[in-house]
């Protein structure tokens, strides 16, 4: 996973990819890597990486996002300094990308990804309707690959119900993701486990321990 300088987190609404992207960027920085996180999730304004800008920048992660005056606008606006960070070979880049229009934008950036080396990970929450079973996971992957012109490198099992997530949710979701991965001939790159459950879960697959950072409107 580390050989790719660009890591792209793709997923539909409710997949949990933004929280995962924030966690991954902070982990890379903590390990000593110069790190930037790029927000081109154009779908919903409430769940974007840029909401965590203060936390990320305080930790030394460079945040690449549209102008702050447009940060809450549901517009297909790309960050003006995004291409610049792709050319800086010493920086590891984490990208938070939604489905729909967000994935379409990636097609315009394909040559930069090919030059730098990338991994594109599809984040799957089987508790959401878009990826609730094997067929819907495969359909989502095929659609995102078609519009983004990227090849998905692996699946990330992130089945959760937020703070109500249980061990059973994680295991049940993983079984569905493993079946999809087998049909797609792809690895299960990670199984995401909230930090409060990490000692209660035993896995053969790599575990990604997730710390919740994002404050959603209903948590205020």
C-alpha atoms as a PDB file:
ATOM      1  CA  UNK A   1       0.000   0.000   0.000  1.00  0.00           C
ATOM      2  CA  UNK A   2       2.826   2.393   0.852  1.00  0.00           C
ATOM      3  CA  UNK A   3       4.427   2.292  -2.617  1.00  0.00           C
ATOM      4  CA  UNK A   4       1.631   4.408  -4.077  1.00  0.00           C
ATOM      5  CA  UNK A   5       2.055   8.106  -3.421  1.00  0.00           C
ATOM      6  CA  UNK A   6      -1.613   8.891  -4.049  1.00  0.00           C
ATOM      7  CA  UNK A   7      -4.393   7.121  -2.155  1.00  0.00           C
ATOM      8  CA  UNK A   8      -7.908   7.767  -3.408  1.00  0.00           C
ATOM      9  CA  UNK A   9     -10.878   6.998  -1.159  1.00  0.00           C
ATOM     10  CA  UNK A  10     -14.044   6.485  -3.201  1.00  0.00           C
ATOM     11  CA  UNK A  11     -17.507   5.725  -1.926  1.00  0.00           C
ATOM     12  CA  UNK A  12     -21.143   6.602  -1.970  1.00  0.00           C
ATOM     13  CA  UNK A  13     -22.962   8.803   0.528  1.00  0.00           C
ATOM     14  CA  UNK A  14     -22.780   7.243   3.978  1.00  0.00           C
ATOM     15  CA  UNK A  15     -19.825   4.973   3.228  1.00  0.00           C
ATOM     16  CA  UNK A  16     -17.625   6.686   5.820  1.00  0.00           C
ATOM     17  CA  UNK A  17     -14.844   7.527   3.387  1.00  0.00           C
ATOM     18  CA  UNK A  18     -14.305  11.082   4.656  1.00  0.00           C
ATOM     19  CA  UNK A  19     -13.680   9.944   8.218  1.00  0.00           C
ATOM     20  CA  UNK A  20     -11.359   7.262   6.892  1.00  0.00           C
ATOM     21  CA  UNK A  21      -9.470   9.720   4.673  1.00  0.00           C
ATOM     22  CA  UNK A  22      -8.949  12.077   7.624  1.00  0.00           C
ATOM     23  CA  UNK A  23      -7.703   9.226   9.827  1.00  0.00           C
ATOM     24  CA  UNK A  24      -5.345   7.930   7.137  1.00  0.00           C
ATOM     25  CA  UNK A  25      -3.873  11.359   6.436  1.00  0.00           C
ATOM     26  CA  UNK A  26      -3.242  11.920  10.144  1.00  0.00           C
ATOM     27  CA  UNK A  27      -1.615   8.493  10.446  1.00  0.00           C
ATOM     28  CA  UNK A  28       0.705   9.151   7.491  1.00  0.00           C
ATOM     29  CA  UNK A  29       1.759  12.449   9.038  1.00  0.00           C
ATOM     30  CA  UNK A  30       2.310  10.833  12.432  1.00  0.00           C
ATOM     31  CA  UNK A  31       4.592   8.280  10.728  1.00  0.00           C
ATOM     32  CA  UNK A  32       6.753  11.124   9.415  1.00  0.00           C
ATOM     33  CA  UNK A  33       5.456  11.550   5.861  1.00  0.00           C
ATOM     34  CA  UNK A  34       4.796  14.952   4.333  1.00  0.00           C
ATOM     35  CA  UNK A  35       1.071  14.620   3.714  1.00  0.00           C
ATOM     36  CA  UNK A  36      -1.650  16.502   1.864  1.00  0.00           C
ATOM     37  CA  UNK A  37      -5.345  15.717   1.765  1.00  0.00           C
ATOM     38  CA  UNK A  38      -7.407  16.746  -1.252  1.00  0.00           C
ATOM     39  CA  UNK A  39     -11.147  17.238  -0.932  1.00  0.00           C
ATOM     40  CA  UNK A  40     -13.131  16.853  -4.125  1.00  0.00           C
ATOM     41  CA  UNK A  41     -16.269  15.371  -2.625  1.00  0.00           C
ATOM     42  CA  UNK A  42     -18.834  17.421  -4.509  1.00  0.00           C
ATOM     43  CA  UNK A  43     -21.956  15.601  -3.426  1.00  0.00           C
ATOM     44  CA  UNK A  44     -22.972  16.768   0.054  1.00  0.00           C
ATOM     45  CA  UNK A  45     -21.640  19.770   1.957  1.00  0.00           C
ATOM     46  CA  UNK A  46     -22.008  18.398   5.476  1.00  0.00           C
ATOM     47  CA  UNK A  47     -19.595  15.492   5.243  1.00  0.00           C
ATOM     48  CA  UNK A  48     -16.526  16.957   3.570  1.00  0.00           C
ATOM     49  CA  UNK A  49     -12.907  16.731   4.621  1.00  0.00           C
ATOM     50  CA  UNK A  50     -12.668  20.507   4.746  1.00  0.00           C
ATOM     51  CA  UNK A  51     -14.816  20.515   7.896  1.00  0.00           C
ATOM     52  CA  UNK A  52     -11.756  19.041   9.642  1.00  0.00           C
ATOM     53  CA  UNK A  53      -9.360  21.650   8.233  1.00  0.00           C
ATOM     54  CA  UNK A  54      -8.320  23.046  11.615  1.00  0.00           C
ATOM     55  CA  UNK A  55      -7.524  19.610  13.051  1.00  0.00           C
ATOM     56  CA  UNK A  56      -5.600  18.519   9.958  1.00  0.00           C
ATOM     57  CA  UNK A  57      -3.579  21.698   9.574  1.00  0.00           C
ATOM     58  CA  UNK A  58      -2.749  21.786  13.292  1.00  0.00           C
ATOM     59  CA  UNK A  59      -1.327  18.272  12.844  1.00  0.00           C
ATOM     60  CA  UNK A  60       0.758  19.394   9.871  1.00  0.00           C
ATOM     61  CA  UNK A  61      -1.392  17.949   7.089  1.00  0.00           C
ATOM     62  CA  UNK A  62      -1.823  20.281   4.117  1.00  0.00           C
ATOM     63  CA  UNK A  63      -5.502  20.645   3.161  1.00  0.00           C
ATOM     64  CA  UNK A  64      -6.276  21.156  -0.527  1.00  0.00           C
ATOM     65  CA  UNK A  65      -9.897  22.240  -0.891  1.00  0.00           C
ATOM     66  CA  UNK A  66     -11.960  24.802  -2.827  1.00  0.00           C
ATOM     67  CA  UNK A  67     -11.858  28.430  -1.746  1.00  0.00           C
ATOM     68  CA  UNK A  68     -13.398  28.878   1.714  1.00  0.00           C
ATOM     69  CA  UNK A  69     -16.038  31.185   0.242  1.00  0.00           C
ATOM     70  CA  UNK A  70     -17.327  28.179  -1.707  1.00  0.00           C
ATOM     71  CA  UNK A  71     -16.716  25.528   0.945  1.00  0.00           C
ATOM     72  CA  UNK A  72     -20.413  25.028   1.675  1.00  0.00           C
ATOM     73  CA  UNK A  73     -21.611  25.316  -1.912  1.00  0.00           C
ATOM     74  CA  UNK A  74     -22.775  22.199  -3.724  1.00  0.00           C
ATOM     75  CA  UNK A  75     -20.818  23.112  -6.833  1.00  0.00           C
ATOM     76  CA  UNK A  76     -18.311  21.185  -8.968  1.00  0.00           C
ATOM     77  CA  UNK A  77     -15.441  23.459  -7.883  1.00  0.00           C
ATOM     78  CA  UNK A  78     -11.931  21.973  -7.899  1.00  0.00           C
ATOM     79  CA  UNK A  79      -9.181  23.300  -5.611  1.00  0.00           C
ATOM     80  CA  UNK A  80      -6.991  25.732  -7.525  1.00  0.00           C
ATOM     81  CA  UNK A  81      -3.719  24.295  -6.123  1.00  0.00           C
ATOM     82  CA  UNK A  82      -4.592  20.624  -6.571  1.00  0.00           C
ATOM     83  CA  UNK A  83      -2.350  19.976  -9.605  1.00  0.00           C
ATOM     84  CA  UNK A  84       0.615  21.566  -7.834  1.00  0.00           C
ATOM     85  CA  UNK A  85       0.578  19.002  -5.033  1.00  0.00           C
ATOM     86  CA  UNK A  86       0.556  16.126  -7.529  1.00  0.00           C
ATOM     87  CA  UNK A  87       3.919  17.294  -8.891  1.00  0.00           C
ATOM     88  CA  UNK A  88       5.624  17.358  -5.473  1.00  0.00           C
ATOM     89  CA  UNK A  89       7.159  13.889  -5.306  1.00  0.00           C
ATOM     90  CA  UNK A  90       7.950  14.048  -1.583  1.00  0.00           C
ATOM     91  CA  UNK A  91       4.308  14.486  -0.563  1.00  0.00           C
ATOM     92  CA  UNK A  92       1.890  11.629   0.024  1.00  0.00           C
ATOM     93  CA  UNK A  93      -1.552  12.620  -1.207  1.00  0.00           C
ATOM     94  CA  UNK A  94      -4.854  11.398   0.250  1.00  0.00           C
ATOM     95  CA  UNK A  95      -7.974  12.130  -1.779  1.00  0.00           C
ATOM     96  CA  UNK A  96     -11.550  12.207  -0.466  1.00  0.00           C
ATOM     97  CA  UNK A  97     -13.833  11.596  -3.442  1.00  0.00           C
ATOM     98  CA  UNK A  98     -17.551  10.908  -3.550  1.00  0.00           C
ATOM     99  CA  UNK A  99     -19.577   9.089  -6.150  1.00  0.00           C
ATOM    100  CA  UNK A 100     -21.479  10.780  -8.980  1.00  0.00           C
ATOM    101  CA  UNK A 101     -20.007  14.051 -10.229  1.00  0.00           C
ATOM    102  CA  UNK A 102     -16.996  13.750  -7.932  1.00  0.00           C
ATOM    103  CA  UNK A 103     -15.870  10.507  -9.574  1.00  0.00           C
ATOM    104  CA  UNK A 104     -16.417  11.987 -13.041  1.00  0.00           C
ATOM    105  CA  UNK A 105     -13.924  14.736 -12.238  1.00  0.00           C
ATOM    106  CA  UNK A 106     -11.223  12.113 -11.625  1.00  0.00           C
ATOM    107  CA  UNK A 107     -11.258  11.200 -15.305  1.00  0.00           C
ATOM    108  CA  UNK A 108      -9.720  14.600 -16.050  1.00  0.00           C
ATOM    109  CA  UNK A 109      -6.864  13.881 -13.635  1.00  0.00           C
ATOM    110  CA  UNK A 110      -6.029  10.367 -14.797  1.00  0.00           C
ATOM    111  CA  UNK A 111      -2.615  11.196 -16.257  1.00  0.00           C
ATOM    112  CA  UNK A 112      -1.407  12.641 -12.955  1.00  0.00           C
ATOM    113  CA  UNK A 113      -2.436   9.492 -11.121  1.00  0.00           C
ATOM    114  CA  UNK A 114      -0.686   7.251 -13.624  1.00  0.00           C
ATOM    115  CA  UNK A 115       2.525   9.262 -13.387  1.00  0.00           C
ATOM    116  CA  UNK A 116       2.656   9.361  -9.577  1.00  0.00           C
ATOM    117  CA  UNK A 117       1.291   5.890  -8.819  1.00  0.00           C
ATOM    118  CA  UNK A 118      -2.017   5.482  -7.037  1.00  0.00           C
ATOM    119  CA  UNK A 119      -4.249   3.122  -5.150  1.00  0.00           C
ATOM    120  CA  UNK A 120      -8.004   3.629  -5.439  1.00  0.00           C
ATOM    121  CA  UNK A 121      -9.971   2.093  -2.585  1.00  0.00           C
ATOM    122  CA  UNK A 122     -13.723   1.581  -2.638  1.00  0.00           C
ATOM    123  CA  UNK A 123     -15.175   2.145   0.831  1.00  0.00           C
ATOM    124  CA  UNK A 124     -18.157  -0.084   1.506  1.00  0.00           C
ATOM    125  CA  UNK A 125     -20.751   0.255   4.235  1.00  0.00           C
ATOM    126  CA  UNK A 126     -23.197  -2.608   3.881  1.00  0.00           C
ATOM    127  CA  UNK A 127     -25.575  -0.735   6.194  1.00  0.00           C
ATOM    128  CA  UNK A 128     -26.224   1.759   3.397  1.00  0.00           C
ATOM    129  CA  UNK A 129     -28.565   0.943   0.476  1.00  0.00           C
ATOM    130  CA  UNK A 130     -26.037   1.592  -2.309  1.00  0.00           C
ATOM    131  CA  UNK A 131     -23.738  -1.225  -1.138  1.00  0.00           C
ATOM    132  CA  UNK A 132     -25.940  -3.486   0.958  1.00  0.00           C
ATOM    133  CA  UNK A 133     -25.177  -6.731  -0.909  1.00  0.00           C
ATOM    134  CA  UNK A 134     -22.748  -8.297  -3.356  1.00  0.00           C
ATOM    135  CA  UNK A 135     -24.616  -7.232  -6.497  1.00  0.00           C
ATOM    136  CA  UNK A 136     -24.907  -3.607  -5.416  1.00  0.00           C
ATOM    137  CA  UNK A 137     -21.218  -3.493  -4.442  1.00  0.00           C
ATOM    138  CA  UNK A 138     -20.180  -4.816  -7.837  1.00  0.00           C
ATOM    139  CA  UNK A 139     -22.526  -2.428  -9.617  1.00  0.00           C
ATOM    140  CA  UNK A 140     -21.192   0.552  -7.652  1.00  0.00           C
ATOM    141  CA  UNK A 141     -17.589  -0.401  -8.415  1.00  0.00           C
ATOM    142  CA  UNK A 142     -18.240  -0.847 -12.121  1.00  0.00           C
ATOM    143  CA  UNK A 143     -20.010   2.499 -12.357  1.00  0.00           C
ATOM    144  CA  UNK A 144     -17.287   4.382 -10.475  1.00  0.00           C
ATOM    145  CA  UNK A 145     -14.539   2.775 -12.551  1.00  0.00           C
ATOM    146  CA  UNK A 146     -16.354   3.709 -15.750  1.00  0.00           C
ATOM    147  CA  UNK A 147     -16.799   7.386 -14.921  1.00  0.00           C
ATOM    148  CA  UNK A 148     -13.467   7.905 -13.121  1.00  0.00           C
ATOM    149  CA  UNK A 149     -11.289   5.978 -15.605  1.00  0.00           C
ATOM    150  CA  UNK A 150      -9.488   4.504 -12.593  1.00  0.00           C
ATOM    151  CA  UNK A 151      -8.951   0.885 -11.600  1.00  0.00           C
ATOM    152  CA  UNK A 152     -10.096   0.053  -8.077  1.00  0.00           C
ATOM    153  CA  UNK A 153      -7.174  -1.506  -6.180  1.00  0.00           C
ATOM    154  CA  UNK A 154      -9.095  -3.003  -3.275  1.00  0.00           C
ATOM    155  CA  UNK A 155     -12.212  -2.968  -1.143  1.00  0.00           C
ATOM    156  CA  UNK A 156     -12.452  -1.521   2.356  1.00  0.00           C
ATOM    157  CA  UNK A 157     -15.078  -3.041   4.624  1.00  0.00           C
ATOM    158  CA  UNK A 158     -16.521  -0.205   6.699  1.00  0.00           C
ATOM    159  CA  UNK A 159     -19.901  -1.520   7.794  1.00  0.00           C
ATOM    160  CA  UNK A 160     -21.115   0.684  10.602  1.00  0.00           C
ATOM    161  CA  UNK A 161     -24.013   2.505  12.200  1.00  0.00           C
ATOM    162  CA  UNK A 162     -21.919   5.271  13.687  1.00  0.00           C
ATOM    163  CA  UNK A 163     -21.748   5.162  17.466  1.00  0.00           C
ATOM    164  CA  UNK A 164     -24.235   2.287  17.480  1.00  0.00           C
ATOM    165  CA  UNK A 165     -21.846  -0.004  15.593  1.00  0.00           C
ATOM    166  CA  UNK A 166     -21.443  -3.481  17.063  1.00  0.00           C
ATOM    167  CA  UNK A 167     -18.978  -6.319  16.526  1.00  0.00           C
ATOM    168  CA  UNK A 168     -21.746  -8.199  14.706  1.00  0.00           C
ATOM    169  CA  UNK A 169     -22.136  -5.345  12.211  1.00  0.00           C
ATOM    170  CA  UNK A 170     -18.425  -5.546  11.422  1.00  0.00           C
ATOM    171  CA  UNK A 171     -18.382  -9.325  10.951  1.00  0.00           C
ATOM    172  CA  UNK A 172     -21.610  -9.422   8.941  1.00  0.00           C
ATOM    173  CA  UNK A 173     -20.462  -6.628   6.645  1.00  0.00           C
ATOM    174  CA  UNK A 174     -17.067  -8.240   6.131  1.00  0.00           C
ATOM    175  CA  UNK A 175     -18.635 -11.494   4.928  1.00  0.00           C
ATOM    176  CA  UNK A 176     -20.536  -9.610   2.221  1.00  0.00           C
ATOM    177  CA  UNK A 177     -17.454  -7.602   1.218  1.00  0.00           C
ATOM    178  CA  UNK A 178     -15.334 -10.767   1.042  1.00  0.00           C
ATOM    179  CA  UNK A 179     -17.855 -12.375  -1.323  1.00  0.00           C
ATOM    180  CA  UNK A 180     -17.790  -9.305  -3.558  1.00  0.00           C
ATOM    181  CA  UNK A 181     -13.994  -9.166  -3.448  1.00  0.00           C
ATOM    182  CA  UNK A 182     -13.780 -12.806  -4.518  1.00  0.00           C
ATOM    183  CA  UNK A 183     -16.056 -12.218  -7.495  1.00  0.00           C
ATOM    184  CA  UNK A 184     -14.070  -9.115  -8.462  1.00  0.00           C
ATOM    185  CA  UNK A 185     -10.665 -10.754  -7.871  1.00  0.00           C
ATOM    186  CA  UNK A 186      -9.718  -7.920  -5.546  1.00  0.00           C
ATOM    187  CA  UNK A 187      -8.248  -7.909  -2.029  1.00  0.00           C
ATOM    188  CA  UNK A 188     -10.011  -6.713   1.089  1.00  0.00           C
ATOM    189  CA  UNK A 189      -7.499  -3.957   1.794  1.00  0.00           C
ATOM    190  CA  UNK A 190      -8.759  -3.099   5.290  1.00  0.00           C
ATOM    191  CA  UNK A 191     -11.520  -3.812   7.721  1.00  0.00           C
ATOM    192  CA  UNK A 192     -12.396  -0.607   9.546  1.00  0.00           C
ATOM    193  CA  UNK A 193     -13.000  -1.016  13.265  1.00  0.00           C
ATOM    194  CA  UNK A 194     -13.965   1.863  15.589  1.00  0.00           C
ATOM    195  CA  UNK A 195     -11.389   2.343  18.318  1.00  0.00           C
ATOM    196  CA  UNK A 196     -13.846   1.363  21.074  1.00  0.00           C
ATOM    197  CA  UNK A 197     -14.264  -2.096  19.485  1.00  0.00           C
ATOM    198  CA  UNK A 198     -10.677  -2.869  18.470  1.00  0.00           C
ATOM    199  CA  UNK A 199     -10.021  -5.245  21.388  1.00  0.00           C
ATOM    200  CA  UNK A 200     -13.227  -7.153  20.700  1.00  0.00           C
ATOM    201  CA  UNK A 201     -12.607  -8.008  17.047  1.00  0.00           C
ATOM    202  CA  UNK A 202     -10.365 -10.772  15.666  1.00  0.00           C
ATOM    203  CA  UNK A 203      -9.606 -10.650  11.953  1.00  0.00           C
ATOM    204  CA  UNK A 204      -7.468 -12.368   9.326  1.00  0.00           C
ATOM    205  CA  UNK A 205      -7.618  -9.226   7.180  1.00  0.00           C
ATOM    206  CA  UNK A 206      -5.725  -5.988   7.973  1.00  0.00           C
ATOM    207  CA  UNK A 207      -7.542  -3.905  10.581  1.00  0.00           C
ATOM    208  CA  UNK A 208      -7.807  -0.119  10.331  1.00  0.00           C
ATOM    209  CA  UNK A 209      -8.639   1.339  13.740  1.00  0.00           C
ATOM    210  CA  UNK A 210     -10.791   4.414  13.247  1.00  0.00           C
ATOM    211  CA  UNK A 211     -10.910   7.371  15.593  1.00  0.00           C
ATOM    212  CA  UNK A 212     -14.010   9.564  15.085  1.00  0.00           C
ATOM    213  CA  UNK A 213     -13.111  13.179  14.380  1.00  0.00           C
ATOM    214  CA  UNK A 214     -15.982  14.585  12.323  1.00  0.00           C
ATOM    215  CA  UNK A 215     -18.723  16.415  14.202  1.00  0.00           C
ATOM    216  CA  UNK A 216     -22.009  16.041  12.361  1.00  0.00           C
ATOM    217  CA  UNK A 217     -24.854  18.567  12.708  1.00  0.00           C
ATOM    218  CA  UNK A 218     -27.012  16.217  14.815  1.00  0.00           C
ATOM    219  CA  UNK A 219     -24.127  15.709  17.303  1.00  0.00           C
ATOM    220  CA  UNK A 220     -23.980  19.380  18.342  1.00  0.00           C
END
